[in-house]
């Protein structure tokens, strides 16, 4: 259980810090004079690197194990947060945040998910749910914490603090991964040059890719833009940051309940339930203009989102087996990144044109409907491509 707790801490600091970018949003935009679409591009640059490098991190995890991959990512992430404190231009922000934090996050999700699936093959849903609690837990507490630091010390000193916290929270998992470094060598690798072409013909793989893309688009859109949206309605920054915390509280509970719903209803029905909650949360935002209505809607959205990640991750070894789980998770991360890249930029572009997020909210709901349709039509029961 200490291994899973260490995974929890790693995911909490890597994903939690990245997904707290919304509290930096207006401060950076005001200091540099950027439009919201341009500032959204900073997180999108990080997601581009995340998506591309996830393919590599997944393959390297299958080949060498998780320890060297995670360690390399932590070095990149800490340097990224440190160098951001010296940024004086648009290009520097894009390079330091995009490259450093993108590589860091890519080197945590696929390696950790693959290792948990190998260490706990019979209890992967439950253990993945527990480990993935770190993501909403970090999102729950980091945004208000970072917002307070920004108001007191400025965003540059806050970024420096993140570079230190990254190592403090990651030391336990480094010791654990070193302990388990020989595990993957005991799992026989079955690789052929045609592997990628074979599994790409499996409809269930495309279901996972499509659902990941649409869930990510809506999630990253809200993670980046909900704080500016709340402040536009009159909330102070510290209170607006709590909208992310409500989403993350819901995500925490959704992640925790995922393994139970899978046990009761199976992967497909459980995933549909959570995606329907996503649909409700994002689609109703345009119809409630009272700032306080944001909190319950973000909680509903977060609950739905929280349950989707461990379920989709647990589907991978169930459908494709354990040998190449890291590689397949890398492909899922690529499509996740595509959704995460497009969502915030398009939402920022819509706002810059219309001065409103209403169309963006409704478009996010429509994407979730597409994901539910893909899940209903493409998910099969075969365990082999």
Protein backbone atom coordinates (compact mmCIF):
# COMPACT_ATOMS: atom_id res chain seq x y z
CA UNK A 1 0.00 0.00 0.00
CA UNK A 2 3.00 2.28 0.53
CA UNK A 3 3.75 1.91 -3.18
CA UNK A 4 0.28 3.17 -4.13
CA UNK A 5 0.56 6.01 -1.59
CA UNK A 6 3.84 7.06 -3.21
CA UNK A 7 2.15 7.02 -6.62
CA UNK A 8 -0.58 9.18 -5.09
CA UNK A 9 1.97 11.81 -4.03
CA UNK A 10 3.69 11.89 -7.42
CA UNK A 11 0.46 12.32 -9.37
CA UNK A 12 -0.73 14.90 -6.86
CA UNK A 13 2.23 17.23 -7.38
CA UNK A 14 2.80 16.70 -11.13
CA UNK A 15 -0.79 16.88 -12.35
CA UNK A 16 -2.00 19.11 -9.53
CA UNK A 17 0.56 21.81 -10.26
CA UNK A 18 0.05 21.66 -14.03
CA UNK A 19 -3.73 21.80 -13.72
CA UNK A 20 -3.53 24.75 -11.33
CA UNK A 21 -2.31 26.97 -14.16
CA UNK A 22 -5.66 28.77 -14.10
CA UNK A 23 -4.62 30.71 -10.98
CA UNK A 24 -1.59 32.07 -12.88
CA UNK A 25 -3.73 32.91 -15.91
CA UNK A 26 -4.77 36.53 -15.39
CA UNK A 27 -1.57 37.51 -13.58
CA UNK A 28 0.57 36.42 -16.52
CA UNK A 29 -1.85 37.91 -19.06
CA UNK A 30 -1.79 41.28 -17.28
CA UNK A 31 1.99 41.38 -16.80
CA UNK A 32 2.83 40.49 -20.41
CA UNK A 33 -0.25 42.02 -22.07
CA UNK A 34 -1.31 38.73 -23.68
CA UNK A 35 -4.80 37.84 -24.92
CA UNK A 36 -6.56 34.93 -23.24
CA UNK A 37 -6.13 32.76 -26.33
CA UNK A 38 -2.39 33.44 -26.25
CA UNK A 39 -2.05 32.61 -22.55
CA UNK A 40 -4.10 29.45 -23.12
CA UNK A 41 -1.43 28.50 -25.63
CA UNK A 42 1.11 28.14 -22.80
CA UNK A 43 -0.73 25.18 -21.31
CA UNK A 44 -1.40 23.92 -24.82
CA UNK A 45 2.34 23.96 -25.56
CA UNK A 46 2.83 21.85 -22.44
CA UNK A 47 0.18 19.41 -23.67
CA UNK A 48 1.82 19.16 -27.10
CA UNK A 49 5.06 18.06 -25.46
CA UNK A 50 3.10 15.83 -23.08
CA UNK A 51 1.31 14.05 -25.91
CA UNK A 52 4.36 13.50 -28.10
CA UNK A 53 6.69 12.49 -25.28
CA UNK A 54 4.06 10.16 -23.77
CA UNK A 55 4.56 7.87 -26.76
CA UNK A 56 8.24 7.68 -25.90
CA UNK A 57 7.77 7.41 -22.12
CA UNK A 58 5.30 4.55 -22.56
CA UNK A 59 7.66 2.59 -24.81
CA UNK A 60 10.66 3.27 -22.57
CA UNK A 61 8.67 2.10 -19.54
CA UNK A 62 7.90 -1.20 -21.28
CA UNK A 63 11.58 -1.52 -22.20
CA UNK A 64 13.51 -0.21 -19.18
CA UNK A 65 10.97 0.13 -16.38
CA UNK A 66 9.50 3.22 -14.75
CA UNK A 67 12.39 4.43 -12.57
CA UNK A 68 14.64 6.10 -15.19
CA UNK A 69 11.62 7.55 -17.00
CA UNK A 70 10.10 9.14 -13.89
CA UNK A 71 13.47 10.43 -12.66
CA UNK A 72 14.20 12.10 -16.00
CA UNK A 73 10.78 13.74 -15.99
CA UNK A 74 11.27 15.14 -12.49
CA UNK A 75 14.56 16.73 -13.51
CA UNK A 76 12.85 18.39 -16.48
CA UNK A 77 9.89 19.56 -14.40
CA UNK A 78 11.95 21.09 -11.61
CA UNK A 79 14.15 22.92 -14.13
CA UNK A 80 11.04 24.14 -15.94
CA UNK A 81 9.47 25.69 -12.84
CA UNK A 82 12.83 27.17 -11.85
CA UNK A 83 13.51 28.75 -15.25
CA UNK A 84 9.98 30.20 -15.45
CA UNK A 85 10.99 32.58 -12.65
CA UNK A 86 13.46 34.21 -15.07
CA UNK A 87 11.07 34.46 -18.05
CA UNK A 88 10.85 37.88 -19.68
CA UNK A 89 9.19 37.02 -22.97
CA UNK A 90 6.35 35.08 -24.52
CA UNK A 91 8.79 32.59 -26.10
CA UNK A 92 10.55 31.86 -22.82
CA UNK A 93 7.26 31.08 -21.08
CA UNK A 94 6.28 28.70 -23.85
CA UNK A 95 9.64 26.90 -23.83
CA UNK A 96 10.13 26.61 -20.06
CA UNK A 97 6.56 25.67 -19.19
CA UNK A 98 5.80 23.73 -22.34
CA UNK A 99 8.97 21.65 -22.46
CA UNK A 100 9.74 21.27 -18.76
CA UNK A 101 6.28 20.61 -17.35
CA UNK A 102 5.13 18.70 -20.45
CA UNK A 103 7.99 16.21 -20.11
CA UNK A 104 7.44 15.95 -16.36
CA UNK A 105 3.75 15.05 -16.58
CA UNK A 106 4.33 12.66 -19.51
CA UNK A 107 6.91 10.84 -17.41
CA UNK A 108 4.46 10.20 -14.57
CA UNK A 109 1.08 9.03 -15.96
CA UNK A 110 2.02 6.17 -18.31
CA UNK A 111 4.93 4.78 -16.22
CA UNK A 112 2.93 4.85 -12.98
CA UNK A 113 -0.23 3.39 -14.53
CA UNK A 114 1.73 0.62 -16.26
CA UNK A 115 3.65 -0.26 -13.10
CA UNK A 116 0.51 -0.42 -10.96
CA UNK A 117 -1.13 -2.71 -13.54
CA UNK A 118 1.90 -5.01 -13.34
CA UNK A 119 2.30 -4.96 -9.56
CA UNK A 120 -1.44 -5.48 -8.88
CA UNK A 121 -2.83 -7.38 -11.91
CA UNK A 122 -5.87 -8.70 -9.99
CA UNK A 123 -6.66 -5.45 -8.16
CA UNK A 124 -5.68 -2.89 -10.77
CA UNK A 125 -9.03 -1.03 -10.79
CA UNK A 126 -8.95 -0.48 -7.04
CA UNK A 127 -5.25 0.41 -6.87
CA UNK A 128 -5.45 2.72 -9.88
CA UNK A 129 -8.40 4.49 -8.26
CA UNK A 130 -6.44 5.00 -5.05
CA UNK A 131 -3.33 6.24 -6.88
CA UNK A 132 -5.35 8.50 -9.17
CA UNK A 133 -6.89 10.16 -6.11
CA UNK A 134 -3.65 12.14 -6.04
CA UNK A 135 -4.70 14.10 -9.14
CA UNK A 136 -7.95 15.59 -7.76
CA UNK A 137 -6.40 15.83 -4.30
CA UNK A 138 -3.64 18.03 -5.72
CA UNK A 139 -6.16 20.05 -7.69
CA UNK A 140 -8.29 20.45 -4.57
CA UNK A 141 -5.63 21.99 -2.36
CA UNK A 142 -3.03 23.45 -4.71
CA UNK A 143 -5.14 26.14 -6.49
CA UNK A 144 -6.16 28.08 -3.34
CA UNK A 145 -2.71 27.50 -1.85
CA UNK A 146 -0.96 28.79 -4.97
CA UNK A 147 -3.43 31.68 -5.34
CA UNK A 148 -2.57 32.78 -1.80
CA UNK A 149 1.16 32.55 -2.52
CA UNK A 150 0.73 34.55 -5.74
CA UNK A 151 -1.14 37.32 -3.92
CA UNK A 152 1.54 37.49 -1.19
CA UNK A 153 4.80 36.75 -3.03
CA UNK A 154 4.07 37.01 -6.75
CA UNK A 155 3.79 34.33 -9.41
CA UNK A 156 7.56 34.01 -9.97
CA UNK A 157 8.38 33.09 -6.37
CA UNK A 158 5.42 30.72 -6.38
CA UNK A 159 6.88 28.96 -9.41
CA UNK A 160 10.20 28.64 -7.57
CA UNK A 161 8.37 27.03 -4.66
CA UNK A 162 6.80 24.50 -7.03
CA UNK A 163 10.25 23.42 -8.23
CA UNK A 164 11.13 22.54 -4.62
CA UNK A 165 7.80 20.88 -3.80
CA UNK A 166 8.11 18.70 -6.89
CA UNK A 167 11.14 16.91 -5.44
CA UNK A 168 9.80 16.71 -1.89
CA UNK A 169 6.61 14.94 -2.98
CA UNK A 170 8.40 12.66 -5.47
CA UNK A 171 11.16 11.15 -3.33
CA UNK A 172 8.96 8.31 -1.93
CA UNK A 173 8.00 7.00 -5.38
CA UNK A 174 11.61 7.13 -6.59
CA UNK A 175 12.61 4.82 -3.73
CA UNK A 176 9.67 2.52 -4.49
CA UNK A 177 10.33 2.38 -8.23
CA UNK A 178 13.96 1.54 -7.54
CA UNK A 179 12.73 -1.31 -5.36
CA UNK A 180 10.42 -2.62 -8.11
CA UNK A 181 12.80 -1.88 -11.00
CA UNK A 182 13.27 -5.57 -11.87
CA UNK A 183 9.56 -6.39 -11.99
CA UNK A 184 9.01 -5.66 -15.67
CA UNK A 185 11.93 -7.91 -16.65
CA UNK A 186 10.02 -10.86 -15.17
CA UNK A 187 7.07 -10.13 -17.46
CA UNK A 188 7.75 -11.63 -20.86
CA UNK A 189 7.62 -9.06 -23.63
CA UNK A 190 5.72 -10.05 -26.76
CA UNK A 191 6.54 -7.50 -29.40
CA UNK A 192 6.40 -7.64 -33.16
CA UNK A 193 6.98 -5.01 -35.79
CA UNK A 194 3.28 -5.19 -36.68
CA UNK A 195 2.03 -4.54 -33.17
CA UNK A 196 0.90 -0.95 -33.75
CA UNK A 197 -0.95 -1.83 -36.96
CA UNK A 198 -2.70 -4.75 -35.28
CA UNK A 199 -4.05 -2.96 -32.23
CA UNK A 200 -5.10 0.08 -34.28
CA UNK A 201 -7.66 -2.20 -35.94
CA UNK A 202 -9.40 -2.81 -32.62
CA UNK A 203 -12.58 -0.65 -32.30
CA UNK A 204 -12.17 -0.62 -28.52
CA UNK A 205 -8.85 1.18 -28.92
CA UNK A 206 -10.54 3.92 -30.93
CA UNK A 207 -13.24 4.14 -28.28
CA UNK A 208 -10.54 4.83 -25.69
CA UNK A 209 -8.85 7.39 -27.93
CA UNK A 210 -12.06 9.29 -28.76
CA UNK A 211 -13.41 9.33 -25.21
CA UNK A 212 -10.05 10.52 -23.93
CA UNK A 213 -9.91 13.33 -26.48
CA UNK A 214 -13.38 14.72 -25.71
CA UNK A 215 -13.08 14.35 -21.93
CA UNK A 216 -9.71 16.08 -22.01
CA UNK A 217 -10.97 18.95 -24.18
CA UNK A 218 -13.76 19.80 -21.73
CA UNK A 219 -11.66 19.23 -18.64
CA UNK A 220 -8.70 21.38 -19.70
CA UNK A 221 -11.01 24.09 -21.01
CA UNK A 222 -12.66 24.36 -17.59
CA UNK A 223 -9.38 23.99 -15.68
CA UNK A 224 -7.90 26.97 -17.50
CA UNK A 225 -10.94 29.20 -18.05
CA UNK A 226 -13.28 28.62 -15.10
CA UNK A 227 -11.27 30.92 -12.81
CA UNK A 228 -11.25 33.80 -15.34
CA UNK A 229 -14.97 33.13 -15.98
CA UNK A 230 -15.72 33.34 -12.25
CA UNK A 231 -13.75 36.57 -11.86
CA UNK A 232 -15.62 37.99 -14.86
CA UNK A 233 -18.80 37.40 -12.85
CA UNK A 234 -17.37 39.44 -9.97
CA UNK A 235 -15.55 36.93 -7.76
CA UNK A 236 -12.14 37.82 -6.25
CA UNK A 237 -9.27 35.59 -7.41
CA UNK A 238 -8.88 33.69 -4.13
CA UNK A 239 -12.59 32.80 -4.11
CA UNK A 240 -12.67 32.03 -7.83
CA UNK A 241 -9.82 29.56 -7.32
CA UNK A 242 -12.16 27.60 -5.04
CA UNK A 243 -14.27 26.71 -8.10
CA UNK A 244 -11.37 24.48 -9.12
CA UNK A 245 -11.31 23.07 -5.62
CA UNK A 246 -15.02 22.16 -5.83
CA UNK A 247 -14.37 20.45 -9.15
CA UNK A 248 -11.45 18.63 -7.62
CA UNK A 249 -13.43 17.64 -4.53
CA UNK A 250 -15.98 16.07 -6.85
CA UNK A 251 -13.17 14.47 -8.81
CA UNK A 252 -11.72 13.07 -5.61
CA UNK A 253 -15.01 11.38 -4.74
CA UNK A 254 -15.56 10.24 -8.33
CA UNK A 255 -12.12 8.66 -8.51
CA UNK A 256 -12.64 6.92 -5.19
CA UNK A 257 -16.01 5.50 -6.30
CA UNK A 258 -14.82 4.35 -9.74
CA UNK A 259 -13.67 0.88 -8.72
CA UNK A 260 -16.94 0.28 -6.83
CA UNK A 261 -19.10 1.21 -9.84
CA UNK A 262 -16.97 -0.97 -12.12
CA UNK A 263 -17.51 -3.85 -9.72
CA UNK A 264 -21.28 -3.25 -9.75
CA UNK A 265 -21.93 -2.38 -13.41
CA UNK A 266 -18.82 -3.21 -15.42
CA UNK A 267 -16.43 -0.87 -17.22
CA UNK A 268 -18.77 0.30 -19.99
CA UNK A 269 -21.83 1.24 -17.91
CA UNK A 270 -19.71 2.82 -15.19
CA UNK A 271 -17.91 4.98 -17.74
CA UNK A 272 -21.22 6.07 -19.32
CA UNK A 273 -22.52 7.13 -15.89
CA UNK A 274 -19.48 9.30 -15.23
CA UNK A 275 -19.52 10.86 -18.71
CA UNK A 276 -23.20 11.78 -18.32
CA UNK A 277 -22.28 13.68 -15.16
CA UNK A 278 -19.60 15.50 -17.15
CA UNK A 279 -22.26 16.41 -19.70
CA UNK A 280 -24.59 17.84 -17.04
CA UNK A 281 -21.87 19.87 -15.34
CA UNK A 282 -20.47 21.62 -18.42
CA UNK A 283 -23.71 22.05 -20.41
CA UNK A 284 -25.66 23.83 -17.66
CA UNK A 285 -23.04 26.51 -16.96
CA UNK A 286 -24.38 28.98 -19.58
CA UNK A 287 -27.86 28.88 -18.02
CA UNK A 288 -26.84 29.93 -14.48
CA UNK A 289 -25.43 33.45 -14.19
CA UNK A 290 -25.30 33.58 -10.40
CA UNK A 291 -21.59 33.17 -9.53
CA UNK A 292 -22.42 30.78 -6.70
CA UNK A 293 -24.07 28.34 -9.13
CA UNK A 294 -20.62 27.58 -10.53
CA UNK A 295 -19.67 25.64 -7.40
CA UNK A 296 -22.28 22.80 -7.56
CA UNK A 297 -21.92 22.49 -11.35
CA UNK A 298 -18.16 22.20 -11.09
CA UNK A 299 -18.61 19.59 -8.36
CA UNK A 300 -20.86 17.52 -10.65
CA UNK A 301 -18.45 17.87 -13.56
CA UNK A 302 -15.51 16.95 -11.34
CA UNK A 303 -17.26 13.86 -9.96
CA UNK A 304 -17.87 12.63 -13.48
CA UNK A 305 -14.36 13.41 -14.64
CA UNK A 306 -12.75 11.77 -11.62
CA UNK A 307 -14.28 8.39 -12.39
CA UNK A 308 -13.31 8.32 -16.06
CA UNK A 309 -9.50 8.19 -15.75
CA UNK A 310 -9.06 5.03 -13.62
CA UNK A 311 -11.76 3.21 -15.60
CA UNK A 312 -10.24 4.02 -18.99
CA UNK A 313 -6.76 3.13 -17.73
CA UNK A 314 -7.97 -0.19 -16.30
CA UNK A 315 -9.56 -1.06 -19.66
CA UNK A 316 -6.14 -1.14 -21.36
CA UNK A 317 -4.69 -4.32 -19.78
CA UNK A 318 -8.18 -5.87 -19.83
CA UNK A 319 -8.43 -5.45 -23.61
CA UNK A 320 -4.81 -5.71 -24.75
CA UNK A 321 -2.98 -7.64 -22.05
CA UNK A 322 -0.11 -6.50 -19.83
CA UNK A 323 2.95 -6.75 -22.07
CA UNK A 324 2.63 -3.45 -23.93
CA UNK A 325 0.43 -1.52 -21.54
CA UNK A 326 2.89 1.38 -21.31
CA UNK A 327 3.01 1.79 -25.08
CA UNK A 328 -0.78 1.83 -25.42
CA UNK A 329 -1.13 4.30 -22.56
CA UNK A 330 1.31 6.48 -24.48
CA UNK A 331 -1.07 6.56 -27.44
CA UNK A 332 -3.99 7.35 -25.14
CA UNK A 333 -1.95 10.20 -23.67
CA UNK A 334 -1.32 11.57 -27.17
CA UNK A 335 -5.06 11.84 -27.89
CA UNK A 336 -5.62 13.19 -24.39
CA UNK A 337 -3.11 15.91 -25.19
CA UNK A 338 -4.81 16.71 -28.50
CA UNK A 339 -8.06 17.32 -26.64
CA UNK A 340 -6.29 19.30 -23.96
CA UNK A 341 -4.55 21.45 -26.55
CA UNK A 342 -7.63 22.26 -28.60
CA UNK A 343 -10.08 22.83 -25.73
CA UNK A 344 -8.42 25.81 -23.97
CA UNK A 345 -7.29 27.51 -27.19
CA UNK A 346 -10.70 27.27 -28.88
CA UNK A 347 -12.44 28.44 -25.70
CA UNK A 348 -10.09 31.41 -25.45
CA UNK A 349 -10.63 32.20 -29.13
CA UNK A 350 -14.42 32.05 -28.69
CA UNK A 351 -14.18 34.42 -25.72
CA UNK A 352 -11.94 36.87 -27.57
CA UNK A 353 -14.53 37.05 -30.39
CA UNK A 354 -17.82 36.91 -28.46
CA UNK A 355 -16.69 38.17 -25.02
CA UNK A 356 -18.61 35.20 -23.60
CA UNK A 357 -17.95 31.55 -22.74
CA UNK A 358 -21.51 30.35 -23.49
CA UNK A 359 -20.79 28.84 -26.91
CA UNK A 360 -17.66 27.19 -25.54
CA UNK A 361 -19.61 25.56 -22.67
CA UNK A 362 -22.25 24.18 -25.05
CA UNK A 363 -19.60 22.94 -27.48
CA UNK A 364 -17.89 21.11 -24.62
CA UNK A 365 -21.16 19.35 -23.83
CA UNK A 366 -21.58 18.34 -27.47
CA UNK A 367 -18.12 16.76 -27.44
CA UNK A 368 -19.07 14.67 -24.40
CA UNK A 369 -22.11 13.41 -26.34
CA UNK A 370 -19.77 12.31 -29.13
CA UNK A 371 -17.66 10.46 -26.57
CA UNK A 372 -20.68 8.65 -25.12
CA UNK A 373 -21.72 7.63 -28.65
CA UNK A 374 -18.23 6.26 -29.34
CA UNK A 375 -18.30 4.31 -26.08
CA UNK A 376 -21.72 2.86 -26.89
CA UNK A 377 -20.91 1.89 -30.48
CA UNK A 378 -17.23 0.90 -30.43
CA UNK A 379 -16.53 -0.80 -27.10
CA UNK A 380 -16.30 -4.55 -27.59
CA UNK A 381 -15.77 -7.49 -25.30
CA UNK A 382 -12.77 -9.09 -26.97
CA UNK A 383 -9.60 -9.08 -24.91
CA UNK A 384 -7.36 -9.25 -27.96
CA UNK A 385 -6.88 -6.90 -30.90
